[in-house]
Amino acid sequence: MNKIKRLVFNVIPSKSLKCKIKYFGRRDIYKQIFIYIKSFIKYRLSERSKSKKIKTFENELSIAAIVRNEGQYIREWIEYHKLVGVEKFYIYDNESTDNLKEILNPYIKEGSVVYKYFPGKERQLHAYQDAIDKYKYKTKWLALIDIDEFIVPKKYKKITEFLKDFESYPQVLIGWVIYGSAGHIKKPDGLVIENFKYHAPDDYVTESKIIINPRMAGCALIPHWSEPLEGKAVDENKNIFKSYPYKEFYPQTKPKNKIQINHYYSKSWEGFLEKVSRGNAYSLKDPIRTKTDFDAYDRNEVFDGIMDEYIEPIKKALAKKET
């Protein structure tokens, strides 16, 4: 560890930021430290009391996502999340060439989507931070997920019903379930949730994504963690995490009895090649995905029809948008 990094490491109070310095190096870390410190000071001096006084919000639950060339999937993703309680979608368009804005126009007109063109490289964390800063007093909860991730409440009809028990916490970690290709080489017709119903065991690739209280979020540290200004992150059982829960370099398994994220990582082989061509909005330093990555995530051991009840309502909603 060099002298500058050691100085920052000793001064910064956040265990999560220390972990990032130690394990991930400089990748935007100093900029994120600055964002965190500025947010922390502002929060302590003025925003803490303001945030506690707010009782009503324009939206109970919103999602912020950065998107590139995923227009073929995004309407299903929106219609599904509307069914489970999401009211607003903040979509950051990272140089799409597939007429994304035109595809989203019905949702923009009805007010459920806020569209923003967001060009540049390595923009994922910047998009999340922009959403946190701009919409923290408009939405009570903000989920930070991708278009291939579906938040699934298992013991509730709505995600918002689950969140009622977490109002004193800055963020909730929700575990991934990795869905495979179901043997599809070519992209099949129909919905993602009806074509891909086989997944890996729950203890395979145990990453998580987050739903945050954006008023208590200091900075988006990695796509899986936003550094809280106050309080501690928890999972569905209220196990406390002071930093993103790595054990060595591997994420710890999260319980997924009440809620989970269906991560349709690979879909078909053809779909995976399209995913590779879109690049990585988080970091250019991450290695390019290969057939080895497809094979590693193409796990189909467990059949699961958990999404079946949403198939027909989504199809009906999509049909209405086309008339």
Protein backbone atom coordinates (compact mmCIF):
# COMPACT_ATOMS: atom_id res chain seq x y z
CA MET A 1 0.00 0.00 0.00
CA ASN A 2 1.60 3.33 -1.08
CA LYS A 3 1.84 6.37 1.22
CA ILE A 4 -1.13 8.26 -0.26
CA LYS A 5 -3.36 5.21 -0.12
CA ARG A 6 -2.25 4.45 3.45
CA LEU A 7 -2.98 8.04 4.53
CA VAL A 8 -6.50 7.85 3.06
CA PHE A 9 -6.93 4.38 4.55
CA ASN A 10 -6.11 5.63 8.06
CA VAL A 11 -8.22 8.79 7.90
CA ILE A 12 -11.46 7.58 6.30
CA PRO A 13 -13.94 6.22 8.89
CA SER A 14 -15.81 3.92 6.52
CA LYS A 15 -14.94 0.24 6.67
CA SER A 16 -16.47 -0.28 3.22
CA LEU A 17 -14.28 2.38 1.64
CA LYS A 18 -11.27 0.86 3.37
CA CYS A 19 -12.14 -2.51 1.86
CA LYS A 20 -12.39 -0.95 -1.57
CA ILE A 21 -8.98 0.73 -1.22
CA LYS A 22 -7.39 -2.50 -0.01
CA TYR A 23 -8.89 -4.94 -2.49
CA PHE A 24 -9.88 -2.92 -5.55
CA GLY A 25 -7.18 -0.28 -5.83
CA ARG A 26 -7.64 3.28 -7.09
CA ARG A 27 -10.51 2.75 -9.53
CA ASP A 28 -12.39 6.01 -8.93
CA ILE A 29 -11.85 5.54 -5.19
CA TYR A 30 -10.62 9.05 -4.43
CA LYS A 31 -13.56 10.59 -6.26
CA GLN A 32 -15.93 8.36 -4.31
CA ILE A 33 -14.23 9.25 -1.03
CA PHE A 34 -14.78 12.93 -1.84
CA ILE A 35 -18.47 12.27 -2.64
CA TYR A 36 -18.88 10.34 0.59
CA ILE A 37 -17.23 12.97 2.80
CA LYS A 38 -19.17 15.81 1.17
CA SER A 39 -22.44 13.90 1.55
CA PHE A 40 -21.63 12.93 5.13
CA ILE A 41 -20.94 16.54 6.18
CA LYS A 42 -24.04 17.84 4.40
CA TYR A 43 -26.18 15.12 5.93
CA ARG A 44 -24.92 15.75 9.46
CA LEU A 45 -25.25 19.52 9.22
CA SER A 46 -28.66 19.84 7.59
CA GLU A 47 -30.18 16.91 5.74
CA ARG A 48 -30.52 14.47 8.63
CA SER A 49 -33.22 16.53 10.33
CA LYS A 50 -34.89 17.31 6.99
CA SER A 51 -35.07 13.67 5.94
CA LYS A 52 -36.65 12.64 9.23
CA LYS A 53 -39.41 15.24 8.87
CA ILE A 54 -40.55 14.03 5.43
CA LYS A 55 -43.56 11.75 5.78
CA THR A 56 -44.84 11.49 2.21
CA PHE A 57 -43.08 10.93 -1.10
CA GLU A 58 -44.13 11.10 -4.74
CA ASN A 59 -43.21 7.44 -5.06
CA GLU A 60 -42.90 4.65 -2.53
CA LEU A 61 -40.42 2.62 -4.61
CA SER A 62 -38.37 3.46 -7.69
CA ILE A 63 -35.60 1.81 -9.70
CA ALA A 64 -32.50 3.41 -11.20
CA ALA A 65 -30.83 1.50 -14.03
CA ILE A 66 -28.20 2.23 -16.66
CA VAL A 67 -29.04 0.73 -20.04
CA ARG A 68 -27.30 0.10 -23.33
CA ASN A 69 -29.07 -1.64 -26.23
CA GLU A 70 -31.56 -3.58 -24.12
CA GLY A 71 -34.73 -2.24 -25.68
CA GLN A 72 -35.88 -5.75 -26.58
CA TYR A 73 -36.08 -6.64 -22.86
CA ILE A 74 -36.89 -3.41 -21.05
CA ARG A 75 -40.66 -3.27 -21.52
CA GLU A 76 -41.14 -6.71 -19.96
CA TRP A 77 -38.84 -5.67 -17.11
CA ILE A 78 -40.86 -2.49 -16.50
CA GLU A 79 -44.26 -4.18 -16.68
CA TYR A 80 -43.14 -6.90 -14.28
CA HIS A 81 -41.83 -4.45 -11.69
CA LYS A 82 -44.98 -2.35 -11.92
CA LEU A 83 -46.92 -5.48 -10.91
CA VAL A 84 -44.82 -5.88 -7.76
CA GLY A 85 -45.01 -2.28 -6.57
CA VAL A 86 -42.45 -0.16 -8.44
CA GLU A 87 -43.91 3.22 -9.39
CA LYS A 88 -41.06 5.06 -11.11
CA PHE A 89 -38.12 4.05 -13.30
CA TYR A 90 -35.08 6.31 -13.72
CA ILE A 91 -33.51 5.04 -16.95
CA TYR A 92 -30.01 6.21 -17.87
CA ASP A 93 -29.32 5.58 -21.56
CA ASN A 94 -25.63 4.83 -22.02
CA GLU A 95 -25.33 5.44 -25.77
CA SER A 96 -27.95 2.95 -26.95
CA THR A 97 -28.36 2.49 -30.70
CA ASP A 98 -31.58 0.42 -30.60
CA ASN A 99 -34.16 3.24 -30.41
CA LEU A 100 -34.41 2.90 -26.64
CA LYS A 101 -36.11 6.26 -26.13
CA GLU A 102 -38.72 5.47 -28.77
CA ILE A 103 -39.38 2.11 -27.09
CA LEU A 104 -39.80 3.87 -23.76
CA ASN A 105 -42.01 6.69 -25.08
CA PRO A 106 -45.34 5.22 -23.83
CA TYR A 107 -43.88 4.99 -20.33
CA ILE A 108 -42.30 8.44 -20.53
CA LYS A 109 -45.68 9.90 -21.58
CA GLU A 110 -47.56 8.18 -18.76
CA GLY A 111 -44.95 9.41 -16.26
CA SER A 112 -43.64 6.06 -15.04
CA VAL A 113 -40.23 6.46 -16.74
CA VAL A 114 -37.79 9.35 -16.41
CA TYR A 115 -35.35 9.05 -19.32
CA LYS A 116 -31.87 10.57 -19.37
CA TYR A 117 -29.23 10.22 -22.08
CA PHE A 118 -26.03 9.41 -20.19
CA PRO A 119 -23.05 8.91 -22.54
CA GLY A 120 -19.49 7.95 -21.66
CA LYS A 121 -17.46 5.06 -20.34
CA GLU A 122 -17.63 3.50 -16.85
CA ARG A 123 -20.83 5.42 -16.05
CA GLN A 124 -22.79 2.98 -13.89
CA LEU A 125 -21.82 4.39 -10.51
CA HIS A 126 -22.23 7.93 -11.84
CA ALA A 127 -25.77 7.11 -12.93
CA TYR A 128 -26.60 5.67 -9.52
CA GLN A 129 -25.13 8.70 -7.78
CA ASP A 130 -27.10 11.05 -10.03
CA ALA A 131 -30.32 9.23 -9.15
CA ILE A 132 -29.52 9.33 -5.43
CA ASP A 133 -28.76 13.04 -5.50
CA LYS A 134 -31.72 14.10 -7.67
CA TYR A 135 -34.51 11.89 -6.45
CA LYS A 136 -33.82 11.19 -2.77
CA TYR A 137 -36.71 13.41 -1.68
CA LYS A 138 -39.05 12.13 -4.40
CA THR A 139 -38.85 8.40 -3.71
CA LYS A 140 -38.93 6.65 -0.36
CA TRP A 141 -36.94 3.65 -1.59
CA LEU A 142 -34.60 3.30 -4.57
CA ALA A 143 -33.48 -0.02 -6.04
CA LEU A 144 -30.20 -0.11 -7.98
CA ILE A 145 -30.42 -3.03 -10.40
CA ASP A 146 -29.88 -4.02 -14.05
CA ILE A 147 -32.34 -4.94 -16.80
CA ASP A 148 -31.49 -8.64 -16.46
CA GLU A 149 -32.44 -8.57 -12.75
CA PHE A 150 -36.00 -9.00 -11.46
CA ILE A 151 -36.81 -8.36 -7.79
CA VAL A 152 -39.17 -11.12 -6.65
CA PRO A 153 -41.14 -10.82 -3.39
CA LYS A 154 -41.76 -14.41 -2.25
CA LYS A 155 -43.85 -13.93 0.89
CA TYR A 156 -45.56 -10.72 -0.22
CA LYS A 157 -47.50 -9.50 -3.23
CA LYS A 158 -45.54 -6.25 -3.39
CA ILE A 159 -41.92 -5.34 -2.71
CA THR A 160 -43.21 -2.35 -0.77
CA GLU A 161 -44.98 -4.66 1.70
CA PHE A 162 -41.65 -6.32 2.43
CA LEU A 163 -39.92 -2.95 2.88
CA LYS A 164 -42.33 -1.73 5.57
CA ASP A 165 -40.32 -3.68 8.13
CA PHE A 166 -37.04 -1.99 7.13
CA GLU A 167 -37.77 1.73 7.40
CA SER A 168 -35.06 2.34 10.01
CA TYR A 169 -32.30 0.87 7.81
CA PRO A 170 -30.30 2.61 5.06
CA GLN A 171 -30.27 -0.35 2.67
CA VAL A 172 -31.41 -3.93 2.23
CA LEU A 173 -29.25 -6.52 0.46
CA ILE A 174 -31.22 -8.95 -1.72
CA GLY A 175 -29.55 -12.14 -2.88
CA TRP A 176 -29.17 -13.26 -6.48
CA VAL A 177 -30.55 -16.46 -7.94
CA ILE A 178 -28.66 -17.27 -11.15
CA TYR A 179 -30.84 -18.45 -14.06
CA GLY A 180 -29.32 -20.39 -16.95
CA SER A 181 -30.05 -20.75 -20.67
CA ALA A 182 -32.55 -23.63 -20.30
CA GLY A 183 -30.72 -25.10 -23.27
CA HIS A 184 -31.52 -22.24 -25.67
CA ILE A 185 -28.87 -21.46 -28.28
CA LYS A 186 -30.94 -18.97 -30.28
CA LYS A 187 -33.02 -16.28 -28.61
CA PRO A 188 -36.52 -17.75 -28.18
CA ASP A 189 -39.70 -15.80 -28.81
CA GLY A 190 -41.71 -14.74 -25.77
CA LEU A 191 -40.88 -13.32 -22.37
CA VAL A 192 -37.64 -13.82 -20.49
CA ILE A 193 -39.54 -15.07 -17.45
CA GLU A 194 -41.39 -17.75 -19.45
CA ASN A 195 -38.36 -19.00 -21.39
CA PHE A 196 -35.83 -19.29 -18.58
CA LYS A 197 -37.16 -21.21 -15.58
CA TYR A 198 -34.09 -23.18 -14.53
CA HIS A 199 -31.54 -21.84 -12.11
CA ALA A 200 -28.45 -22.69 -10.09
CA PRO A 201 -28.58 -23.77 -6.44
CA ASP A 202 -29.09 -20.87 -4.05
CA ASP A 203 -25.49 -21.01 -2.82
CA TYR A 204 -24.02 -20.46 -6.31
CA VAL A 205 -22.64 -16.96 -7.13
CA THR A 206 -23.89 -15.37 -3.94
CA GLU A 207 -23.79 -11.70 -4.93
CA SER A 208 -26.62 -9.36 -3.99
CA LYS A 209 -28.08 -6.06 -5.13
CA ILE A 210 -29.61 -3.33 -3.02
CA ILE A 211 -32.71 -1.33 -2.26
CA ILE A 212 -31.64 1.84 -0.50
CA ASN A 213 -33.06 4.70 1.50
CA PRO A 214 -31.50 7.34 -0.81
CA ARG A 215 -31.52 10.04 1.86
CA MET A 216 -29.06 7.93 3.88
CA ALA A 217 -26.81 6.97 0.95
CA GLY A 218 -23.43 8.71 0.84
CA CYS A 219 -22.04 7.26 -2.36
CA ALA A 220 -22.54 4.33 -4.71
CA LEU A 221 -19.36 2.41 -3.95
CA ILE A 222 -19.79 -0.60 -6.24
CA PRO A 223 -22.91 -1.77 -8.15
CA HIS A 224 -23.77 -3.98 -5.16
CA TRP A 225 -23.31 -1.50 -2.32
CA SER A 226 -24.05 2.13 -1.46
CA GLU A 227 -22.11 3.52 1.47
CA PRO A 228 -24.60 4.55 4.23
CA LEU A 229 -24.35 7.91 5.96
CA GLU A 230 -26.00 6.49 9.05
CA GLY A 231 -27.03 3.06 10.27
CA LYS A 232 -26.08 -0.36 8.92
CA ALA A 233 -27.12 -2.40 5.90
CA VAL A 234 -29.12 -5.57 6.49
CA ASP A 235 -30.43 -8.61 4.65
CA GLU A 236 -34.02 -9.91 4.79
CA ASN A 237 -33.40 -11.38 8.26
CA LYS A 238 -31.88 -8.12 9.51
CA ASN A 239 -28.39 -9.54 9.74
CA ILE A 240 -26.16 -6.47 9.89
CA PHE A 241 -23.34 -5.70 7.43
CA LYS A 242 -20.80 -2.94 8.01
CA SER A 243 -19.39 -3.39 4.50
CA TYR A 244 -20.20 -5.43 1.43
CA PRO A 245 -20.13 -8.98 2.79
CA TYR A 246 -17.10 -10.58 1.22
CA LYS A 247 -15.41 -13.55 2.84
CA GLU A 248 -11.96 -13.36 1.32
CA PHE A 249 -12.94 -12.39 -2.26
CA TYR A 250 -16.24 -14.28 -2.36
CA PRO A 251 -19.63 -12.80 -1.40
CA GLN A 252 -21.36 -14.39 1.55
CA THR A 253 -24.61 -16.24 0.90
CA LYS A 254 -27.75 -14.18 1.64
CA PRO A 255 -31.05 -15.67 2.79
CA LYS A 256 -33.69 -15.70 0.04
CA ASN A 257 -36.82 -16.93 1.79
CA LYS A 258 -38.77 -13.65 1.68
CA ILE A 259 -37.36 -11.91 -1.40
CA GLN A 260 -34.78 -12.57 -4.10
CA ILE A 261 -33.39 -11.20 -7.34
CA ASN A 262 -33.76 -13.42 -10.39
CA HIS A 263 -30.59 -12.74 -12.37
CA TYR A 264 -31.02 -13.82 -15.99
CA TYR A 265 -27.29 -13.56 -16.61
CA SER A 266 -26.81 -15.54 -19.79
CA LYS A 267 -30.23 -16.20 -21.32
CA SER A 268 -29.47 -17.97 -24.61
CA TRP A 269 -26.01 -18.26 -26.14
CA GLU A 270 -27.08 -15.73 -28.80
CA GLY A 271 -28.32 -13.42 -26.08
CA PHE A 272 -25.06 -13.80 -24.19
CA LEU A 273 -23.05 -12.72 -27.26
CA GLU A 274 -25.21 -9.59 -27.45
CA LYS A 275 -24.52 -8.97 -23.76
CA VAL A 276 -20.77 -9.15 -24.42
CA SER A 277 -21.09 -6.71 -27.33
CA ARG A 278 -22.77 -4.13 -25.07
CA GLY A 279 -19.68 -3.90 -22.89
CA ASN A 280 -19.48 -3.14 -19.20
CA ALA A 281 -20.92 0.12 -17.86
CA TYR A 282 -19.13 -0.37 -14.53
CA SER A 283 -15.47 -0.68 -15.52
CA LEU A 284 -13.40 -1.07 -18.66
CA LYS A 285 -10.83 -2.91 -16.55
CA ASP A 286 -13.09 -5.90 -16.01
CA PRO A 287 -12.17 -8.74 -18.38
CA ILE A 288 -14.24 -9.31 -21.51
CA ARG A 289 -16.73 -12.13 -20.95
CA THR A 290 -16.03 -15.36 -22.81
CA LYS A 291 -17.57 -18.78 -23.45
CA THR A 292 -16.05 -19.81 -20.13
CA ASP A 293 -18.19 -17.19 -18.38
CA PHE A 294 -21.29 -18.35 -20.22
CA ASP A 295 -20.65 -21.95 -19.20
CA ALA A 296 -19.97 -20.93 -15.59
CA TYR A 297 -23.31 -19.12 -15.29
CA ASP A 298 -25.32 -21.51 -17.44
CA ARG A 299 -26.65 -23.46 -14.48
CA ASN A 300 -29.99 -25.21 -14.88
CA GLU A 301 -30.20 -27.66 -12.00
CA VAL A 302 -33.38 -26.32 -10.34
CA PHE A 303 -36.73 -25.84 -12.09
CA ASP A 304 -38.71 -22.91 -10.71
CA GLY A 305 -42.10 -21.64 -11.87
CA ILE A 306 -42.12 -18.73 -9.43
CA MET A 307 -42.70 -16.20 -12.24
CA ASP A 308 -45.55 -18.03 -13.97
CA GLU A 309 -48.30 -15.93 -12.36
CA TYR A 310 -46.88 -12.79 -14.00
CA ILE A 311 -46.65 -14.06 -17.59
CA GLU A 312 -50.21 -13.37 -18.75
CA PRO A 313 -50.60 -10.01 -16.92
CA ILE A 314 -47.35 -8.81 -18.53
CA LYS A 315 -48.42 -9.95 -21.98
CA LYS A 316 -51.77 -8.16 -21.60
CA ALA A 317 -50.04 -4.96 -20.43
CA LEU A 318 -47.61 -5.09 -23.36
CA ALA A 319 -50.45 -5.63 -25.82
CA LYS A 320 -52.21 -2.54 -24.51
CA LYS A 321 -49.07 -0.46 -25.03
CA GLU A 322 -48.97 -1.52 -28.68
CA THR A 323 -52.58 -0.53 -29.46
